[in-house]
Amino acid sequence: MPALDLIDRLNQHFNQLQAHLTEWQGMMGGFRLLAGRVFELPEVPKGKEHEDTAQIKVTQHVGAQAGTLGLAHFQRMFIYHQKQDTSAKSAIRLPGVLCFSVDDAQYHAAQALTAAINQLKAELAHLITVESQLPPELRFEFVHTHLRGLKTLSAYRALQTVTDPASVRFGWANKQIIKNLTRQEVLAMLQKSLEAGRAVPPYDKTQWAERIRQEIDAVSKLPPDIAFKIKRPVKVQPIARVWYQDSQRQVQYACPSPLIVLCRQSSGAPVPKLGGLLDYNREGVRHKHKPPGLPARLLIKRLHLYVAS
């Protein structure tokens, strides 16, 4: 059980984070909004959070409505900010961009407060994931005991500001997490799962332990030097491509929340050109270059674990 001191600091950090976000929202709301676009995505129904996504319908909001929705989004960190039939495990996402005109004092104040908020977010994540010394499967209960209903992903997610870009375009990113493993590393991972003594529905503890033992047996029968690979798809993510004219470079940002664009009056920065986010359709994705993978067969489906064949 985490120490009372850590629980006190957890609550203090979160209360301070909420106060800073309220101050930040008021500050940004006081700036002149030059342009805004946010893209509302459908919420994920309960029980559907692990299903592969083939299509995503996008609803665009522009102008003042985008500004209101976008700034309010950063305070949406709890389960009750979603519909009742929405998965508590899914992220709250609102990609988009809000462009503000700022003088030098406003620019520096916005950057300073944004940095302070992001520092608090990082410290909150460290308290929960490191200082608590709790394994991942116990963190949920710890967080929801002391900050009931908190969606940690939303709380951890940093605010992203960009300065004087020429354009902001949007798209979708399809990626996979790939990790190479040895047989010894796979066995150690499975042994740790066995020792945890968990029950994973629809199995009870005894049935789940037996399933893991069967997986250990299957891995143990393979040659010691055989190659393993975890190849797990990451859910499709909205991204923003930001073009900086002066430096002639493009920077790509993950965009689960609106980018905050600060257009400095002193630099004479024009309003950036803004693109839209099209509906996602997996069948329409075209890869520029997709190198062939090494021959492999799926060994343990739940772990996305493949073995060289």
Foldseek 3Di string as FASTA:
>chain_A
DFDPVLLVVLVVLVVVLLVLLVVLLVLQVPFDWPKKKKWAWDAAFPPCPPPADFWIAIDMDMDPVRSVVQSVLLNPFFPVSDDPRGHLQDDQFIFIAIEGEDAPVSVVVSVVSLVVSLVSLVVSCCSQPPVRPDDPVCSVVVCCVSPNGGNSVSSNDGAAEDEQFQEKEKEKDKDKDKDKDFLVVVLVVLVVVLVVQQADPPGHSVVVNVVSVVLNVVSVVDDRGWMKMQIGIDHMFMKMWTHHPVVRDIDIGGGRGYYYYYYYVVVVRDDHHYYDYHMHGNVPDDDPDDDDDAAWDQRDVVRSMITHD
